[in-house]
Amino acid sequence: MHERERHRMILSAIEGRSVATVQDFAALTGASEATVRRDIALLDSQKKLRRVRGGAEALKQALPRAVSGESFGTLQTRNAQQKLAIAREAARLCEDDSAIIINGGSTTFGMVHYLTGLRLQVLTNSFPIAEHLLQHSQCGVLLPAGAVYREQGLILSPFDADGIAHFRARRMFMGAQGISPLGFAESDPLIIQSEQRLMRQADELVILADASKFADRSSFIIAPLERADILITDERIDDRSAAMIESAGLRLIVAVLEPKGEPPRSES
């Protein structure tokens, strides 16, 4: 992975999390711990983060969470390589000159690394996704009206008049906090309101979820399994979970990890 891309991922991961370890960054980027330590030292010298024993911390402390759920930075370092593989498969479903919706999340964020070579119209409620696409792609980016929730990196509004209803997409790409026979779950009612409004604007719904989400449970159901068209997960999915998804009529895509050290690349 190119140094600049590693630096962007490190700074993105630490945003809202406040502190992370060398091991966290190594898992996220696929780089060695020695390389990560050099990256941290350079970013510290550039006053972009503060080097601490065993890792790094943000220069500014994050504000308290306004919605339920873990911070974007915390989630981004968990199952990082699986999430990148899933995001790569999701990006392969995108075609030039098409309109898509990308919901905010640590797995959907990985798509930005594979969309840099495409020209898309992208509606997203994720501030990090929008920022990355604006800086590193030719995609048109639209944001809904609302407040920015710093820790989750989301733009959310409790009101229907947030502009979402004026956009139509071929596909929506969405993560999930948990997956069960009851459907796809999230952690906060305000997040669910936003996701359900976005879902109404897409012809197809694609769920991006690493295999750990089949063991996770959350109190709030976004939609039944049958509402989605495609689910992308990783190789750790068990037979029972795979059968559950396929019996609900979804197309199941299993993402294979890239060889260690191979960087994300733009794909069409």
C-alpha atoms as a PDB file:
ATOM      1  CA  MET A   1       0.000   0.000   0.000  1.00  0.00           C
ATOM      2  CA  HIS A   2       1.296   3.470  -0.884  1.00  0.00           C
ATOM      3  CA  GLU A   3       2.528   5.567   2.025  1.00  0.00           C
ATOM      4  CA  ARG A   4      -0.016   8.337   1.454  1.00  0.00           C
ATOM      5  CA  GLU A   5      -2.878   5.835   1.468  1.00  0.00           C
ATOM      6  CA  ARG A   6      -1.604   4.296   4.735  1.00  0.00           C
ATOM      7  CA  HIS A   7      -1.455   7.758   6.266  1.00  0.00           C
ATOM      8  CA  ARG A   8      -5.029   8.522   5.210  1.00  0.00           C
ATOM      9  CA  MET A   9      -6.228   5.234   6.714  1.00  0.00           C
ATOM     10  CA  ILE A  10      -4.324   5.811   9.970  1.00  0.00           C
ATOM     11  CA  LEU A  11      -5.687   9.344  10.377  1.00  0.00           C
ATOM     12  CA  SER A  12      -9.192   8.204   9.469  1.00  0.00           C
ATOM     13  CA  ALA A  13      -9.040   5.382  12.026  1.00  0.00           C
ATOM     14  CA  ILE A  14      -7.913   7.638  14.829  1.00  0.00           C
ATOM     15  CA  GLU A  15     -10.574  10.264  14.082  1.00  0.00           C
ATOM     16  CA  GLY A  16     -13.180   9.911  16.816  1.00  0.00           C
ATOM     17  CA  ARG A  17     -11.377   7.029  18.514  1.00  0.00           C
ATOM     18  CA  SER A  18      -8.788   9.251  20.256  1.00  0.00           C
ATOM     19  CA  VAL A  19      -6.164   6.494  20.650  1.00  0.00           C
ATOM     20  CA  ALA A  20      -5.152   3.327  18.798  1.00  0.00           C
ATOM     21  CA  THR A  21      -2.260   0.867  18.933  1.00  0.00           C
ATOM     22  CA  VAL A  22       0.412  -0.029  16.406  1.00  0.00           C
ATOM     23  CA  GLN A  23      -1.226  -3.456  16.114  1.00  0.00           C
ATOM     24  CA  ASP A  24      -4.581  -1.823  15.252  1.00  0.00           C
ATOM     25  CA  PHE A  25      -3.005   0.177  12.436  1.00  0.00           C
ATOM     26  CA  ALA A  26      -1.068  -2.840  11.141  1.00  0.00           C
ATOM     27  CA  ALA A  27      -4.282  -4.883  10.962  1.00  0.00           C
ATOM     28  CA  LEU A  28      -6.048  -2.056   9.142  1.00  0.00           C
ATOM     29  CA  THR A  29      -3.373  -1.333   6.527  1.00  0.00           C
ATOM     30  CA  GLY A  30      -1.773  -4.765   6.114  1.00  0.00           C
ATOM     31  CA  ALA A  31       1.638  -3.156   6.731  1.00  0.00           C
ATOM     32  CA  SER A  32       4.274  -4.385   9.169  1.00  0.00           C
ATOM     33  CA  GLU A  33       4.425  -2.925  12.666  1.00  0.00           C
ATOM     34  CA  ALA A  34       7.835  -1.422  11.844  1.00  0.00           C
ATOM     35  CA  THR A  35       6.327   0.413   8.872  1.00  0.00           C
ATOM     36  CA  VAL A  36       3.424   1.623  10.988  1.00  0.00           C
ATOM     37  CA  ARG A  37       5.810   2.969  13.634  1.00  0.00           C
ATOM     38  CA  ARG A  38       7.639   4.949  10.936  1.00  0.00           C
ATOM     39  CA  ASP A  39       4.307   6.273   9.674  1.00  0.00           C
ATOM     40  CA  ILE A  40       3.302   7.349  13.180  1.00  0.00           C
ATOM     41  CA  ALA A  41       6.650   9.103  13.704  1.00  0.00           C
ATOM     42  CA  LEU A  42       6.249  11.024  10.441  1.00  0.00           C
ATOM     43  CA  LEU A  43       2.640  12.014  11.133  1.00  0.00           C
ATOM     44  CA  ASP A  44       3.677  13.109  14.637  1.00  0.00           C
ATOM     45  CA  SER A  45       6.394  15.341  13.148  1.00  0.00           C
ATOM     46  CA  GLN A  46       3.746  16.841  10.829  1.00  0.00           C
ATOM     47  CA  LYS A  47       1.508  17.580  13.844  1.00  0.00           C
ATOM     48  CA  LYS A  48      -1.299  15.376  12.488  1.00  0.00           C
ATOM     49  CA  LEU A  49      -1.385  13.067  15.524  1.00  0.00           C
ATOM     50  CA  ARG A  50       0.532  12.534  18.759  1.00  0.00           C
ATOM     51  CA  ARG A  51       2.836   9.535  19.141  1.00  0.00           C
ATOM     52  CA  VAL A  52       2.389   7.649  22.413  1.00  0.00           C
ATOM     53  CA  ARG A  53       3.890   4.463  23.794  1.00  0.00           C
ATOM     54  CA  GLY A  54       2.597   1.572  21.691  1.00  0.00           C
ATOM     55  CA  GLY A  55       0.531   3.662  19.296  1.00  0.00           C
ATOM     56  CA  ALA A  56      -0.862   7.134  18.642  1.00  0.00           C
ATOM     57  CA  GLU A  57      -3.587   9.461  19.845  1.00  0.00           C
ATOM     58  CA  ALA A  58      -5.608  12.211  18.222  1.00  0.00           C
ATOM     59  CA  LEU A  59      -4.531  15.773  18.838  1.00  0.00           C
ATOM     60  CA  LYS A  60      -8.083  16.664  19.861  1.00  0.00           C
ATOM     61  CA  GLN A  61     -10.267  14.551  22.082  1.00  0.00           C
ATOM     62  CA  ALA A  62     -13.522  13.355  20.543  1.00  0.00           C
ATOM     63  CA  LEU A  63     -16.808  14.770  21.808  1.00  0.00           C
ATOM     64  CA  PRO A  64     -19.252  12.458  23.607  1.00  0.00           C
ATOM     65  CA  ARG A  65     -21.332  10.230  21.357  1.00  0.00           C
ATOM     66  CA  ALA A  66     -24.679  11.603  20.285  1.00  0.00           C
ATOM     67  CA  VAL A  67     -26.012   8.304  18.941  1.00  0.00           C
ATOM     68  CA  SER A  68     -25.588   4.764  20.203  1.00  0.00           C
ATOM     69  CA  GLY A  69     -22.824   2.547  18.879  1.00  0.00           C
ATOM     70  CA  GLU A  70     -19.061   2.357  18.748  1.00  0.00           C
ATOM     71  CA  SER A  71     -17.012   5.048  17.047  1.00  0.00           C
ATOM     72  CA  PHE A  72     -16.082   4.841  13.372  1.00  0.00           C
ATOM     73  CA  GLY A  73     -12.384   4.596  14.234  1.00  0.00           C
ATOM     74  CA  THR A  74     -12.895   1.680  16.625  1.00  0.00           C
ATOM     75  CA  LEU A  75     -14.960  -0.287  14.120  1.00  0.00           C
ATOM     76  CA  GLN A  76     -12.578   0.424  11.258  1.00  0.00           C
ATOM     77  CA  THR A  77      -9.715  -1.511  12.851  1.00  0.00           C
ATOM     78  CA  ARG A  78     -11.857  -4.565  13.666  1.00  0.00           C
ATOM     79  CA  ASN A  79     -11.732  -7.361  11.029  1.00  0.00           C
ATOM     80  CA  ALA A  80     -10.028  -4.790   8.811  1.00  0.00           C
ATOM     81  CA  GLN A  81      -8.723  -7.113   6.102  1.00  0.00           C
ATOM     82  CA  GLN A  82     -12.052  -8.926   5.774  1.00  0.00           C
ATOM     83  CA  LYS A  83     -13.829  -5.585   5.430  1.00  0.00           C
ATOM     84  CA  LEU A  84     -11.486  -4.483   2.648  1.00  0.00           C
ATOM     85  CA  ALA A  85     -12.095  -7.744   0.780  1.00  0.00           C
ATOM     86  CA  ILE A  86     -15.864  -7.278   1.127  1.00  0.00           C
ATOM     87  CA  ALA A  87     -15.592  -3.662  -0.028  1.00  0.00           C
ATOM     88  CA  ARG A  88     -13.611  -4.765  -3.089  1.00  0.00           C
ATOM     89  CA  GLU A  89     -16.405  -7.145  -4.122  1.00  0.00           C
ATOM     90  CA  ALA A  90     -18.987  -4.404  -3.563  1.00  0.00           C
ATOM     91  CA  ALA A  91     -17.053  -1.985  -5.782  1.00  0.00           C
ATOM     92  CA  ARG A  92     -17.110  -4.575  -8.567  1.00  0.00           C
ATOM     93  CA  LEU A  93     -20.881  -4.134  -8.691  1.00  0.00           C
ATOM     94  CA  CYS A  94     -20.478  -0.449  -9.589  1.00  0.00           C
ATOM     95  CA  GLU A  95     -20.456   0.736 -13.194  1.00  0.00           C
ATOM     96  CA  ASP A  96     -19.306   4.007 -14.734  1.00  0.00           C
ATOM     97  CA  ASP A  97     -21.912   6.755 -14.988  1.00  0.00           C
ATOM     98  CA  SER A  98     -24.299   5.034 -12.574  1.00  0.00           C
ATOM     99  CA  ALA A  99     -25.871   6.413  -9.396  1.00  0.00           C
ATOM    100  CA  ILE A 100     -25.314   4.646  -6.073  1.00  0.00           C
ATOM    101  CA  ILE A 101     -25.958   5.184  -2.382  1.00  0.00           C
ATOM    102  CA  ILE A 102     -23.330   4.287   0.215  1.00  0.00           C
ATOM    103  CA  ASN A 103     -24.475   4.255   3.809  1.00  0.00           C
ATOM    104  CA  GLY A 104     -21.958   5.252   6.456  1.00  0.00           C
ATOM    105  CA  GLY A 105     -19.997   2.464   8.148  1.00  0.00           C
ATOM    106  CA  SER A 106     -16.564   0.954   8.599  1.00  0.00           C
ATOM    107  CA  THR A 107     -17.108  -1.739   5.942  1.00  0.00           C
ATOM    108  CA  THR A 108     -18.763   0.499   3.356  1.00  0.00           C
ATOM    109  CA  PHE A 109     -15.957   3.036   3.851  1.00  0.00           C
ATOM    110  CA  GLY A 110     -13.532   0.503   2.368  1.00  0.00           C
ATOM    111  CA  MET A 111     -15.271   0.891  -0.999  1.00  0.00           C
ATOM    112  CA  VAL A 112     -13.679   4.313  -1.515  1.00  0.00           C
ATOM    113  CA  HIS A 113     -10.279   2.708  -2.149  1.00  0.00           C
ATOM    114  CA  TYR A 114     -11.719   0.825  -5.153  1.00  0.00           C
ATOM    115  CA  LEU A 115     -13.882   3.580  -6.657  1.00  0.00           C
ATOM    116  CA  THR A 116     -11.155   6.080  -7.536  1.00  0.00           C
ATOM    117  CA  GLY A 117     -11.128   5.024 -11.215  1.00  0.00           C
ATOM    118  CA  LEU A 118     -14.886   5.338 -11.719  1.00  0.00           C
ATOM    119  CA  ARG A 119     -17.194   8.268 -12.456  1.00  0.00           C
ATOM    120  CA  LEU A 120     -20.271   7.813 -10.288  1.00  0.00           C
ATOM    121  CA  GLN A 121     -22.973   9.881  -8.704  1.00  0.00           C
ATOM    122  CA  VAL A 122     -22.743   8.976  -5.011  1.00  0.00           C
ATOM    123  CA  LEU A 123     -25.209   9.891  -2.292  1.00  0.00           C
ATOM    124  CA  THR A 124     -23.805   9.149   1.147  1.00  0.00           C
ATOM    125  CA  ASN A 125     -24.605  10.078   4.735  1.00  0.00           C
ATOM    126  CA  SER A 126     -20.979   9.392   5.689  1.00  0.00           C
ATOM    127  CA  PHE A 127     -18.711  12.390   6.151  1.00  0.00           C
ATOM    128  CA  PRO A 128     -15.485  10.293   5.811  1.00  0.00           C
ATOM    129  CA  ILE A 129     -16.727   8.630   2.602  1.00  0.00           C
ATOM    130  CA  ALA A 130     -17.706  11.964   1.071  1.00  0.00           C
ATOM    131  CA  GLU A 131     -14.392  13.562   2.034  1.00  0.00           C
ATOM    132  CA  HIS A 132     -12.321  10.727   0.593  1.00  0.00           C
ATOM    133  CA  LEU A 133     -14.234  10.590  -2.708  1.00  0.00           C
ATOM    134  CA  LEU A 134     -14.003  14.359  -3.143  1.00  0.00           C
ATOM    135  CA  GLN A 135     -10.240  14.295  -2.660  1.00  0.00           C
ATOM    136  CA  HIS A 136      -9.322  11.104  -4.515  1.00  0.00           C
ATOM    137  CA  SER A 137     -11.906  10.399  -7.212  1.00  0.00           C
ATOM    138  CA  GLN A 138     -13.877  11.939 -10.061  1.00  0.00           C
ATOM    139  CA  CYS A 139     -17.202  10.911  -8.503  1.00  0.00           C
ATOM    140  CA  GLY A 140     -19.954  13.415  -7.939  1.00  0.00           C
ATOM    141  CA  VAL A 141     -20.853  13.448  -4.234  1.00  0.00           C
ATOM    142  CA  LEU A 142     -24.171  14.407  -2.662  1.00  0.00           C
ATOM    143  CA  LEU A 143     -24.882  14.703   1.061  1.00  0.00           C
ATOM    144  CA  PRO A 144     -28.231  14.807   2.859  1.00  0.00           C
ATOM    145  CA  ALA A 145     -29.096  17.694   5.140  1.00  0.00           C
ATOM    146  CA  GLY A 146     -28.546  17.058   8.828  1.00  0.00           C
ATOM    147  CA  ALA A 147     -26.166  17.219  11.751  1.00  0.00           C
ATOM    148  CA  VAL A 148     -22.697  15.651  11.672  1.00  0.00           C
ATOM    149  CA  TYR A 149     -22.213  13.061  14.431  1.00  0.00           C
ATOM    150  CA  ARG A 150     -18.477  13.161  14.858  1.00  0.00           C
ATOM    151  CA  GLU A 151     -17.704   9.784  16.433  1.00  0.00           C
ATOM    152  CA  GLN A 152     -19.700   7.786  13.909  1.00  0.00           C
ATOM    153  CA  GLY A 153     -18.858  10.134  11.032  1.00  0.00           C
ATOM    154  CA  LEU A 154     -22.547  10.227  10.040  1.00  0.00           C
ATOM    155  CA  ILE A 155     -24.819  12.978   8.784  1.00  0.00           C
ATOM    156  CA  LEU A 156     -28.240  12.321  10.318  1.00  0.00           C
ATOM    157  CA  SER A 157     -31.558  14.117  10.516  1.00  0.00           C
ATOM    158  CA  PRO A 158     -34.816  13.111  12.226  1.00  0.00           C
ATOM    159  CA  PHE A 159     -36.769  14.942   9.504  1.00  0.00           C
ATOM    160  CA  ASP A 160     -37.927  13.663   6.110  1.00  0.00           C
ATOM    161  CA  ALA A 161     -36.999  16.911   4.325  1.00  0.00           C
ATOM    162  CA  ASP A 162     -33.278  16.095   4.159  1.00  0.00           C
ATOM    163  CA  GLY A 163     -32.972  15.892   0.363  1.00  0.00           C
ATOM    164  CA  ILE A 164     -32.752  12.102   0.146  1.00  0.00           C
ATOM    165  CA  ALA A 165     -36.114  11.768  -1.624  1.00  0.00           C
ATOM    166  CA  HIS A 166     -34.762  13.649  -4.666  1.00  0.00           C
ATOM    167  CA  PHE A 167     -32.093  11.044  -5.495  1.00  0.00           C
ATOM    168  CA  ARG A 168     -32.604   7.741  -7.309  1.00  0.00           C
ATOM    169  CA  ALA A 169     -29.929   5.020  -7.345  1.00  0.00           C
ATOM    170  CA  ARG A 170     -29.277   1.717  -9.049  1.00  0.00           C
ATOM    171  CA  ARG A 171     -27.937   0.187  -5.838  1.00  0.00           C
ATOM    172  CA  MET A 172     -27.533   1.050  -2.187  1.00  0.00           C
ATOM    173  CA  PHE A 173     -24.606  -0.376  -0.229  1.00  0.00           C
ATOM    174  CA  MET A 174     -25.239  -0.720   3.509  1.00  0.00           C
ATOM    175  CA  GLY A 175     -23.591  -2.304   6.517  1.00  0.00           C
ATOM    176  CA  ALA A 176     -25.356  -3.890   9.489  1.00  0.00           C
ATOM    177  CA  GLN A 177     -24.695  -4.132  13.210  1.00  0.00           C
ATOM    178  CA  GLY A 178     -26.074  -7.672  13.341  1.00  0.00           C
ATOM    179  CA  ILE A 179     -27.804 -10.271  11.162  1.00  0.00           C
ATOM    180  CA  SER A 180     -30.338 -12.839  12.366  1.00  0.00           C
ATOM    181  CA  PRO A 181     -33.408 -14.670  10.997  1.00  0.00           C
ATOM    182  CA  LEU A 182     -35.388 -11.572  12.041  1.00  0.00           C
ATOM    183  CA  GLY A 183     -33.406  -9.366   9.662  1.00  0.00           C
ATOM    184  CA  PHE A 184     -30.689  -6.727   9.643  1.00  0.00           C
ATOM    185  CA  ALA A 185     -30.151  -4.791  12.863  1.00  0.00           C
ATOM    186  CA  GLU A 186     -28.642  -1.480  13.960  1.00  0.00           C
ATOM    187  CA  SER A 187     -27.843   0.154  17.281  1.00  0.00           C
ATOM    188  CA  ASP A 188     -29.739   3.438  17.203  1.00  0.00           C
ATOM    189  CA  PRO A 189     -33.231   4.514  16.037  1.00  0.00           C
ATOM    190  CA  LEU A 190     -31.907   7.718  14.434  1.00  0.00           C
ATOM    191  CA  ILE A 191     -29.462   5.709  12.299  1.00  0.00           C
ATOM    192  CA  ILE A 192     -32.288   3.376  11.283  1.00  0.00           C
ATOM    193  CA  GLN A 193     -34.513   6.286  10.227  1.00  0.00           C
ATOM    194  CA  SER A 194     -31.770   7.548   7.921  1.00  0.00           C
ATOM    195  CA  GLU A 195     -31.039   4.099   6.499  1.00  0.00           C
ATOM    196  CA  GLN A 196     -34.690   3.346   5.787  1.00  0.00           C
ATOM    197  CA  ARG A 197     -35.113   6.630   3.906  1.00  0.00           C
ATOM    198  CA  LEU A 198     -32.011   5.838   1.855  1.00  0.00           C
ATOM    199  CA  MET A 199     -33.227   2.298   1.132  1.00  0.00           C
ATOM    200  CA  ARG A 200     -36.395   3.625  -0.472  1.00  0.00           C
ATOM    201  CA  GLN A 201     -34.357   5.448  -3.100  1.00  0.00           C
ATOM    202  CA  ALA A 202     -32.492   2.414  -4.537  1.00  0.00           C
ATOM    203  CA  ASP A 203     -33.570  -0.315  -6.934  1.00  0.00           C
ATOM    204  CA  GLU A 204     -31.384  -2.904  -5.183  1.00  0.00           C
ATOM    205  CA  LEU A 205     -30.021  -3.223  -1.652  1.00  0.00           C
ATOM    206  CA  VAL A 206     -26.564  -4.710  -1.096  1.00  0.00           C
ATOM    207  CA  ILE A 207     -25.540  -5.616   2.467  1.00  0.00           C
ATOM    208  CA  LEU A 208     -21.845  -5.572   3.387  1.00  0.00           C
ATOM    209  CA  ALA A 209     -21.188  -7.529   6.589  1.00  0.00           C
ATOM    210  CA  ASP A 210     -18.199  -9.491   7.806  1.00  0.00           C
ATOM    211  CA  ALA A 211     -18.982 -12.934   9.203  1.00  0.00           C
ATOM    212  CA  SER A 212     -18.812 -11.771  12.826  1.00  0.00           C
ATOM    213  CA  LYS A 213     -22.101  -9.903  12.291  1.00  0.00           C
ATOM    214  CA  PHE A 214     -23.981 -13.214  12.219  1.00  0.00           C
ATOM    215  CA  ALA A 215     -23.071 -13.685  15.880  1.00  0.00           C
ATOM    216  CA  ASP A 216     -23.830 -10.089  16.902  1.00  0.00           C
ATOM    217  CA  ARG A 217     -27.255  -9.001  18.078  1.00  0.00           C
ATOM    218  CA  SER A 218     -28.821  -5.555  18.255  1.00  0.00           C
ATOM    219  CA  SER A 219     -32.139  -4.323  19.563  1.00  0.00           C
ATOM    220  CA  PHE A 220     -33.419  -2.553  16.461  1.00  0.00           C
ATOM    221  CA  ILE A 221     -34.335  -4.252  13.187  1.00  0.00           C
ATOM    222  CA  ILE A 222     -33.841  -2.176  10.037  1.00  0.00           C
ATOM    223  CA  ALA A 223     -35.508  -4.591   7.618  1.00  0.00           C
ATOM    224  CA  PRO A 224     -36.195  -8.306   7.089  1.00  0.00           C
ATOM    225  CA  LEU A 225     -33.629 -10.380   5.221  1.00  0.00           C
ATOM    226  CA  GLU A 226     -35.865 -10.522   2.154  1.00  0.00           C
ATOM    227  CA  ARG A 227     -35.611  -6.743   1.730  1.00  0.00           C
ATOM    228  CA  ALA A 228     -32.017  -7.091   0.488  1.00  0.00           C
ATOM    229  CA  ASP A 229     -30.950  -8.427  -2.911  1.00  0.00           C
ATOM    230  CA  ILE A 230     -27.262  -9.236  -2.327  1.00  0.00           C
ATOM    231  CA  LEU A 231     -25.186  -9.947   0.770  1.00  0.00           C
ATOM    232  CA  ILE A 232     -21.385  -9.804   0.693  1.00  0.00           C
ATOM    233  CA  THR A 233     -19.432 -11.394   3.536  1.00  0.00           C
ATOM    234  CA  ASP A 234     -16.093 -13.134   4.093  1.00  0.00           C
ATOM    235  CA  GLU A 235     -14.870 -16.720   4.082  1.00  0.00           C
ATOM    236  CA  ARG A 236     -15.552 -17.268   7.783  1.00  0.00           C
ATOM    237  CA  ILE A 237     -19.323 -17.486   7.252  1.00  0.00           C
ATOM    238  CA  ASP A 238     -20.638 -20.823   8.531  1.00  0.00           C
ATOM    239  CA  ASP A 239     -22.948 -23.157   6.618  1.00  0.00           C
ATOM    240  CA  ARG A 240     -25.959 -22.337   8.780  1.00  0.00           C
ATOM    241  CA  SER A 241     -25.665 -18.600   8.172  1.00  0.00           C
ATOM    242  CA  ALA A 242     -25.091 -19.112   4.459  1.00  0.00           C
ATOM    243  CA  ALA A 243     -28.188 -21.305   4.232  1.00  0.00           C
ATOM    244  CA  MET A 244     -30.216 -18.669   6.097  1.00  0.00           C
ATOM    245  CA  ILE A 245     -29.216 -15.990   3.595  1.00  0.00           C
ATOM    246  CA  GLU A 246     -29.788 -18.136   0.526  1.00  0.00           C
ATOM    247  CA  SER A 247     -33.165 -19.408   1.759  1.00  0.00           C
ATOM    248  CA  ALA A 248     -34.254 -15.765   2.083  1.00  0.00           C
ATOM    249  CA  GLY A 249     -33.630 -15.397  -1.653  1.00  0.00           C
ATOM    250  CA  LEU A 250     -30.496 -13.263  -1.485  1.00  0.00           C
ATOM    251  CA  ARG A 251     -27.490 -13.660  -3.752  1.00  0.00           C
ATOM    252  CA  LEU A 252     -24.555 -14.521  -1.488  1.00  0.00           C
ATOM    253  CA  ILE A 253     -21.064 -13.298  -2.419  1.00  0.00           C
ATOM    254  CA  VAL A 254     -18.113 -14.550  -0.356  1.00  0.00           C
ATOM    255  CA  ALA A 255     -15.070 -12.269  -0.497  1.00  0.00           C
ATOM    256  CA  VAL A 256     -11.605 -13.812  -0.496  1.00  0.00           C
ATOM    257  CA  LEU A 257      -8.753 -12.002   1.245  1.00  0.00           C
ATOM    258  CA  GLU A 258      -6.108 -10.451  -0.961  1.00  0.00           C
ATOM    259  CA  PRO A 259      -2.530 -11.744  -0.550  1.00  0.00           C
ATOM    260  CA  LYS A 260      -0.919 -10.104   2.483  1.00  0.00           C
ATOM    261  CA  GLY A 261       0.630  -6.797   1.647  1.00  0.00           C
ATOM    262  CA  GLU A 262      -1.252  -6.318  -1.637  1.00  0.00           C
ATOM    263  CA  PRO A 263      -2.719  -2.781  -1.626  1.00  0.00           C
ATOM    264  CA  PRO A 264      -6.277  -1.789  -2.421  1.00  0.00           C
ATOM    265  CA  ARG A 265      -6.509  -0.842  -6.082  1.00  0.00           C
ATOM    266  CA  SER A 266      -9.057   0.856  -8.273  1.00  0.00           C
ATOM    267  CA  GLU A 267     -11.279  -1.550 -10.162  1.00  0.00           C
ATOM    268  CA  SER A 268     -14.045  -1.046 -12.646  1.00  0.00           C
END
